[in-house]
Amino acid sequence: MIASLRGKVLSKKSEGVIVDVGGVGYNVQVPLGSFSSIPDAGGEVFLHTYTHVREDALQLYGFVTEEEKRVFVTLLNVNGIGPKLGLAILSGMPAQKFVEAVYNEDMPMLTSIPGLGKKIAARLVLELKEKLPRAVVSKDYSITNDAVSALINFGYKKSLSENAVERAVRAGAVTIEDIIKEALKYLTEGS
């Protein structure tokens, strides 16, 4: 399985990005929301990837953040959601906003995604509410976002900060102060 790619962008089109890694060109499909984060041809890119294997095809799906990939993989566990619809969902809205819509059971927001009807949206809420990353559960996403930013300013890596904030929210921290204090406990335990 190909878990990530780092290489030079050869081509960037709506049907996919071609990334040259050591002379091999990989065609990677990416959500439209991530498209603007990918440099133009000639630029260096790093993508978290999901490899989808079928009888007749091997497809790569690329994501700028680990969280976006995690949401995509979780989507694929829902009956009736394949990679194509999963990509359409993440193209319809950012991963954080999608998770927020699921936890808040915001059906109008979910059904605003092209290709996502009421039945599938209801199934997503039912099946994903407890499975998606909890760091974005808060009705006020900016609190968790600000907590991650504060930890990064303290010198911690982004991925470690996001994991620590997610754990703090799962542990019941609600205010930004409590989230940061709890997250710092997790971060210093690992040191």
C-alpha atoms as a PDB file:
ATOM      1  CA  MET A   1       0.000   0.000   0.000  1.00  0.00           C
ATOM      2  CA  ILE A   2       1.245   3.493  -0.812  1.00  0.00           C
ATOM      3  CA  ALA A   3       0.726   5.617   2.342  1.00  0.00           C
ATOM      4  CA  SER A   4       2.256   8.885   1.143  1.00  0.00           C
ATOM      5  CA  LEU A   5       4.035  10.514  -1.769  1.00  0.00           C
ATOM      6  CA  ARG A   6       6.645  13.256  -1.900  1.00  0.00           C
ATOM      7  CA  GLY A   7       7.708  14.483  -5.270  1.00  0.00           C
ATOM      8  CA  LYS A   8       7.474  17.036  -8.039  1.00  0.00           C
ATOM      9  CA  VAL A   9       4.123  18.012  -9.529  1.00  0.00           C
ATOM     10  CA  LEU A  10       4.153  17.167 -13.255  1.00  0.00           C
ATOM     11  CA  SER A  11       0.535  18.046 -13.944  1.00  0.00           C
ATOM     12  CA  LYS A  12      -2.330  19.582 -11.962  1.00  0.00           C
ATOM     13  CA  LYS A  13      -5.793  19.187 -13.450  1.00  0.00           C
ATOM     14  CA  SER A  14      -9.290  18.702 -12.022  1.00  0.00           C
ATOM     15  CA  GLU A  15      -9.177  14.971 -12.860  1.00  0.00           C
ATOM     16  CA  GLY A  16      -6.014  14.491 -10.803  1.00  0.00           C
ATOM     17  CA  VAL A  17      -2.491  15.496  -9.962  1.00  0.00           C
ATOM     18  CA  ILE A  18       0.476  13.647 -11.431  1.00  0.00           C
ATOM     19  CA  VAL A  19       3.358  13.465  -8.965  1.00  0.00           C
ATOM     20  CA  ASP A  20       6.834  12.411 -10.128  1.00  0.00           C
ATOM     21  CA  VAL A  21       8.546  10.320  -7.453  1.00  0.00           C
ATOM     22  CA  GLY A  22      11.954   9.086  -8.543  1.00  0.00           C
ATOM     23  CA  GLY A  23      11.010   9.067 -12.225  1.00  0.00           C
ATOM     24  CA  VAL A  24       7.632   7.347 -11.742  1.00  0.00           C
ATOM     25  CA  GLY A  25       4.511   9.455 -12.331  1.00  0.00           C
ATOM     26  CA  TYR A  26       1.647   8.713  -9.922  1.00  0.00           C
ATOM     27  CA  ASN A  27      -1.853   9.886 -10.845  1.00  0.00           C
ATOM     28  CA  VAL A  28      -3.499  10.996  -7.600  1.00  0.00           C
ATOM     29  CA  GLN A  29      -7.087  12.173  -7.231  1.00  0.00           C
ATOM     30  CA  VAL A  30      -7.498  14.931  -4.631  1.00  0.00           C
ATOM     31  CA  PRO A  31     -10.510  16.732  -3.136  1.00  0.00           C
ATOM     32  CA  LEU A  32     -11.200  20.066  -4.793  1.00  0.00           C
ATOM     33  CA  GLY A  33     -10.741  21.836  -1.447  1.00  0.00           C
ATOM     34  CA  SER A  34      -7.130  20.629  -1.273  1.00  0.00           C
ATOM     35  CA  PHE A  35      -6.441  21.464  -4.896  1.00  0.00           C
ATOM     36  CA  SER A  36      -5.410  25.060  -4.160  1.00  0.00           C
ATOM     37  CA  SER A  37      -2.871  23.866  -1.539  1.00  0.00           C
ATOM     38  CA  ILE A  38      -1.005  21.847  -4.151  1.00  0.00           C
ATOM     39  CA  PRO A  39       1.721  23.754  -5.996  1.00  0.00           C
ATOM     40  CA  ASP A  40       1.634  24.179  -9.750  1.00  0.00           C
ATOM     41  CA  ALA A  41       3.697  22.022 -12.110  1.00  0.00           C
ATOM     42  CA  GLY A  42       7.343  21.952 -11.051  1.00  0.00           C
ATOM     43  CA  GLY A  43       6.624  22.470  -7.351  1.00  0.00           C
ATOM     44  CA  GLU A  44       7.344  19.968  -4.573  1.00  0.00           C
ATOM     45  CA  VAL A  45       4.348  18.294  -2.908  1.00  0.00           C
ATOM     46  CA  PHE A  46       3.722  15.886  -0.030  1.00  0.00           C
ATOM     47  CA  LEU A  47       0.431  13.978   0.033  1.00  0.00           C
ATOM     48  CA  HIS A  48      -1.017  11.475   2.498  1.00  0.00           C
ATOM     49  CA  THR A  49      -2.453   8.814   0.211  1.00  0.00           C
ATOM     50  CA  TYR A  50      -5.052   6.087   0.250  1.00  0.00           C
ATOM     51  CA  THR A  51      -4.586   3.197  -2.183  1.00  0.00           C
ATOM     52  CA  HIS A  52      -7.823   1.734  -3.510  1.00  0.00           C
ATOM     53  CA  VAL A  53      -7.467  -1.646  -5.198  1.00  0.00           C
ATOM     54  CA  ARG A  54     -10.166  -3.122  -7.437  1.00  0.00           C
ATOM     55  CA  GLU A  55     -10.125  -6.032  -9.863  1.00  0.00           C
ATOM     56  CA  ASP A  56      -9.650  -3.705 -12.792  1.00  0.00           C
ATOM     57  CA  ALA A  57      -7.886  -0.693 -11.275  1.00  0.00           C
ATOM     58  CA  LEU A  58      -5.410   0.633  -8.747  1.00  0.00           C
ATOM     59  CA  GLN A  59      -6.318   4.192  -7.709  1.00  0.00           C
ATOM     60  CA  LEU A  60      -4.552   6.683  -5.471  1.00  0.00           C
ATOM     61  CA  TYR A  61      -6.373   9.357  -3.483  1.00  0.00           C
ATOM     62  CA  GLY A  62      -4.284  12.149  -1.996  1.00  0.00           C
ATOM     63  CA  PHE A  63      -4.833  14.470   0.935  1.00  0.00           C
ATOM     64  CA  VAL A  64      -2.942  17.499   2.176  1.00  0.00           C
ATOM     65  CA  THR A  65      -3.630  16.696   5.857  1.00  0.00           C
ATOM     66  CA  GLU A  66      -3.708  13.473   7.830  1.00  0.00           C
ATOM     67  CA  GLU A  67      -7.110  14.491   9.251  1.00  0.00           C
ATOM     68  CA  GLU A  68      -8.601  14.749   5.764  1.00  0.00           C
ATOM     69  CA  LYS A  69      -7.317  11.255   4.933  1.00  0.00           C
ATOM     70  CA  ARG A  70      -8.698   9.890   8.219  1.00  0.00           C
ATOM     71  CA  VAL A  71     -12.163  11.300   7.445  1.00  0.00           C
ATOM     72  CA  PHE A  72     -12.003   9.823   3.915  1.00  0.00           C
ATOM     73  CA  VAL A  73     -11.040   6.345   5.171  1.00  0.00           C
ATOM     74  CA  THR A  74     -13.796   6.501   7.824  1.00  0.00           C
ATOM     75  CA  LEU A  75     -16.308   7.432   5.110  1.00  0.00           C
ATOM     76  CA  LEU A  76     -15.389   4.307   3.144  1.00  0.00           C
ATOM     77  CA  ASN A  77     -16.569   2.151   6.056  1.00  0.00           C
ATOM     78  CA  VAL A  78     -20.143   3.365   5.540  1.00  0.00           C
ATOM     79  CA  ASN A  79     -22.261   1.029   3.424  1.00  0.00           C
ATOM     80  CA  GLY A  80     -22.844   2.597   0.005  1.00  0.00           C
ATOM     81  CA  ILE A  81     -19.941   5.068   0.193  1.00  0.00           C
ATOM     82  CA  GLY A  82     -17.123   4.343  -2.214  1.00  0.00           C
ATOM     83  CA  PRO A  83     -14.002   6.363  -2.985  1.00  0.00           C
ATOM     84  CA  LYS A  84     -15.759   8.401  -5.665  1.00  0.00           C
ATOM     85  CA  LEU A  85     -18.537   9.593  -3.325  1.00  0.00           C
ATOM     86  CA  GLY A  86     -16.047   9.985  -0.454  1.00  0.00           C
ATOM     87  CA  LEU A  87     -13.953  12.286  -2.639  1.00  0.00           C
ATOM     88  CA  ALA A  88     -17.104  14.181  -3.716  1.00  0.00           C
ATOM     89  CA  ILE A  89     -18.039  14.712  -0.055  1.00  0.00           C
ATOM     90  CA  LEU A  90     -14.612  16.125   0.801  1.00  0.00           C
ATOM     91  CA  SER A  91     -14.720  18.207  -2.378  1.00  0.00           C
ATOM     92  CA  GLY A  92     -18.104  19.590  -1.288  1.00  0.00           C
ATOM     93  CA  MET A  93     -16.831  20.953   2.025  1.00  0.00           C
ATOM     94  CA  PRO A  94     -13.662  20.928   4.145  1.00  0.00           C
ATOM     95  CA  ALA A  95     -13.183  17.876   6.385  1.00  0.00           C
ATOM     96  CA  GLN A  96     -13.611  19.915   9.582  1.00  0.00           C
ATOM     97  CA  LYS A  97     -16.881  21.388   8.385  1.00  0.00           C
ATOM     98  CA  PHE A  98     -18.151  17.953   7.321  1.00  0.00           C
ATOM     99  CA  VAL A  99     -17.360  16.449  10.739  1.00  0.00           C
ATOM    100  CA  GLU A 100     -19.077  19.398  12.420  1.00  0.00           C
ATOM    101  CA  ALA A 101     -22.163  18.899  10.230  1.00  0.00           C
ATOM    102  CA  VAL A 102     -22.297  15.185  11.134  1.00  0.00           C
ATOM    103  CA  TYR A 103     -21.987  15.798  14.890  1.00  0.00           C
ATOM    104  CA  ASN A 104     -24.509  18.652  14.783  1.00  0.00           C
ATOM    105  CA  GLU A 105     -26.830  16.544  12.576  1.00  0.00           C
ATOM    106  CA  ASP A 106     -26.990  19.451  10.140  1.00  0.00           C
ATOM    107  CA  MET A 107     -28.951  17.757   7.353  1.00  0.00           C
ATOM    108  CA  PRO A 108     -29.330  20.897   5.158  1.00  0.00           C
ATOM    109  CA  MET A 109     -25.538  21.351   5.233  1.00  0.00           C
ATOM    110  CA  LEU A 110     -24.891  17.681   4.406  1.00  0.00           C
ATOM    111  CA  THR A 111     -27.457  17.519   1.598  1.00  0.00           C
ATOM    112  CA  SER A 112     -25.927  20.648   0.056  1.00  0.00           C
ATOM    113  CA  ILE A 113     -23.024  18.435  -1.065  1.00  0.00           C
ATOM    114  CA  PRO A 114     -23.580  17.381  -4.702  1.00  0.00           C
ATOM    115  CA  GLY A 115     -24.484  13.678  -4.921  1.00  0.00           C
ATOM    116  CA  LEU A 116     -25.486  13.423  -1.259  1.00  0.00           C
ATOM    117  CA  GLY A 117     -29.221  12.902  -0.762  1.00  0.00           C
ATOM    118  CA  LYS A 118     -31.266  12.793   2.443  1.00  0.00           C
ATOM    119  CA  LYS A 119     -31.022   9.005   2.885  1.00  0.00           C
ATOM    120  CA  ILE A 120     -27.238   8.878   2.584  1.00  0.00           C
ATOM    121  CA  ALA A 121     -26.863  11.986   4.771  1.00  0.00           C
ATOM    122  CA  ALA A 122     -29.007  10.347   7.481  1.00  0.00           C
ATOM    123  CA  ARG A 123     -26.922   7.159   7.225  1.00  0.00           C
ATOM    124  CA  LEU A 124     -23.714   9.203   7.567  1.00  0.00           C
ATOM    125  CA  VAL A 125     -24.994  10.880  10.743  1.00  0.00           C
ATOM    126  CA  LEU A 126     -26.134   7.552  12.194  1.00  0.00           C
ATOM    127  CA  GLU A 127     -22.962   5.599  11.377  1.00  0.00           C
ATOM    128  CA  LEU A 128     -20.251   8.256  11.712  1.00  0.00           C
ATOM    129  CA  LYS A 129     -21.258  10.348  14.705  1.00  0.00           C
ATOM    130  CA  GLU A 130     -19.054   8.350  17.083  1.00  0.00           C
ATOM    131  CA  LYS A 131     -16.343   7.371  14.580  1.00  0.00           C
ATOM    132  CA  LEU A 132     -15.064  10.692  13.224  1.00  0.00           C
ATOM    133  CA  PRO A 133     -12.173  12.597  14.867  1.00  0.00           C
ATOM    134  CA  ARG A 134     -13.556  14.185  18.038  1.00  0.00           C
ATOM    135  CA  ALA A 135     -11.282  17.235  17.983  1.00  0.00           C
ATOM    136  CA  VAL A 136     -13.758  18.896  15.653  1.00  0.00           C
ATOM    137  CA  VAL A 137     -16.871  17.960  17.634  1.00  0.00           C
ATOM    138  CA  SER A 138     -17.056  21.264  19.422  1.00  0.00           C
ATOM    139  CA  LYS A 139     -19.854  23.500  18.171  1.00  0.00           C
ATOM    140  CA  ASP A 140     -17.210  26.225  18.179  1.00  0.00           C
ATOM    141  CA  TYR A 141     -14.471  24.668  16.100  1.00  0.00           C
ATOM    142  CA  SER A 142     -12.318  27.782  16.489  1.00  0.00           C
ATOM    143  CA  ILE A 143     -11.643  26.794  20.136  1.00  0.00           C
ATOM    144  CA  THR A 144      -9.907  23.553  19.150  1.00  0.00           C
ATOM    145  CA  ASN A 145      -8.238  25.294  16.237  1.00  0.00           C
ATOM    146  CA  ASP A 146      -6.947  28.016  18.581  1.00  0.00           C
ATOM    147  CA  ALA A 147      -5.736  25.396  21.074  1.00  0.00           C
ATOM    148  CA  VAL A 148      -3.725  23.648  18.347  1.00  0.00           C
ATOM    149  CA  SER A 149      -2.309  27.000  17.247  1.00  0.00           C
ATOM    150  CA  ALA A 150      -1.278  27.826  20.841  1.00  0.00           C
ATOM    151  CA  LEU A 151       0.527  24.488  21.203  1.00  0.00           C
ATOM    152  CA  ILE A 152       2.340  25.060  17.907  1.00  0.00           C
ATOM    153  CA  ASN A 153       3.407  28.474  19.240  1.00  0.00           C
ATOM    154  CA  PHE A 154       4.802  26.682  22.315  1.00  0.00           C
ATOM    155  CA  GLY A 155       7.050  24.766  19.908  1.00  0.00           C
ATOM    156  CA  TYR A 156       5.164  21.479  19.474  1.00  0.00           C
ATOM    157  CA  LYS A 157       4.714  19.920  16.025  1.00  0.00           C
ATOM    158  CA  LYS A 158       1.317  20.351  14.384  1.00  0.00           C
ATOM    159  CA  SER A 159       0.480  16.638  14.234  1.00  0.00           C
ATOM    160  CA  LEU A 160       1.384  16.134  17.921  1.00  0.00           C
ATOM    161  CA  SER A 161      -0.630  19.224  18.868  1.00  0.00           C
ATOM    162  CA  GLU A 162      -3.705  18.034  16.940  1.00  0.00           C
ATOM    163  CA  ASN A 163      -3.536  14.591  18.571  1.00  0.00           C
ATOM    164  CA  ALA A 164      -3.133  16.085  22.058  1.00  0.00           C
ATOM    165  CA  VAL A 165      -6.087  18.462  21.543  1.00  0.00           C
ATOM    166  CA  GLU A 166      -8.213  15.581  20.240  1.00  0.00           C
ATOM    167  CA  ARG A 167      -7.367  13.545  23.359  1.00  0.00           C
ATOM    168  CA  ALA A 168      -8.130  16.529  25.625  1.00  0.00           C
ATOM    169  CA  VAL A 169     -11.563  17.019  24.031  1.00  0.00           C
ATOM    170  CA  ARG A 170     -12.277  13.279  24.336  1.00  0.00           C
ATOM    171  CA  ALA A 171     -11.343  13.525  28.025  1.00  0.00           C
ATOM    172  CA  GLY A 172     -14.039  16.193  28.476  1.00  0.00           C
ATOM    173  CA  ALA A 173     -12.126  19.484  28.259  1.00  0.00           C
ATOM    174  CA  VAL A 174     -14.382  22.235  26.903  1.00  0.00           C
ATOM    175  CA  THR A 175     -12.839  25.684  27.450  1.00  0.00           C
ATOM    176  CA  ILE A 176      -9.702  26.653  25.568  1.00  0.00           C
ATOM    177  CA  GLU A 177      -7.759  26.892  28.844  1.00  0.00           C
ATOM    178  CA  ASP A 178      -8.785  23.365  29.891  1.00  0.00           C
ATOM    179  CA  ILE A 179      -8.072  21.954  26.426  1.00  0.00           C
ATOM    180  CA  ILE A 180      -4.564  23.466  26.413  1.00  0.00           C
ATOM    181  CA  LYS A 181      -3.803  22.323  29.993  1.00  0.00           C
ATOM    182  CA  GLU A 182      -5.004  18.772  29.275  1.00  0.00           C
ATOM    183  CA  ALA A 183      -3.199  18.652  25.922  1.00  0.00           C
ATOM    184  CA  LEU A 184       0.045  19.824  27.570  1.00  0.00           C
ATOM    185  CA  LYS A 185      -0.237  16.904  30.013  1.00  0.00           C
ATOM    186  CA  TYR A 186      -0.363  14.477  27.083  1.00  0.00           C
ATOM    187  CA  LEU A 187       2.500  16.217  25.307  1.00  0.00           C
ATOM    188  CA  THR A 188       4.781  16.273  28.363  1.00  0.00           C
ATOM    189  CA  GLU A 189       4.020  12.610  29.184  1.00  0.00           C
ATOM    190  CA  GLY A 190       5.586  11.642  25.872  1.00  0.00           C
ATOM    191  CA  SER A 191       8.745  13.710  26.480  1.00  0.00           C
END
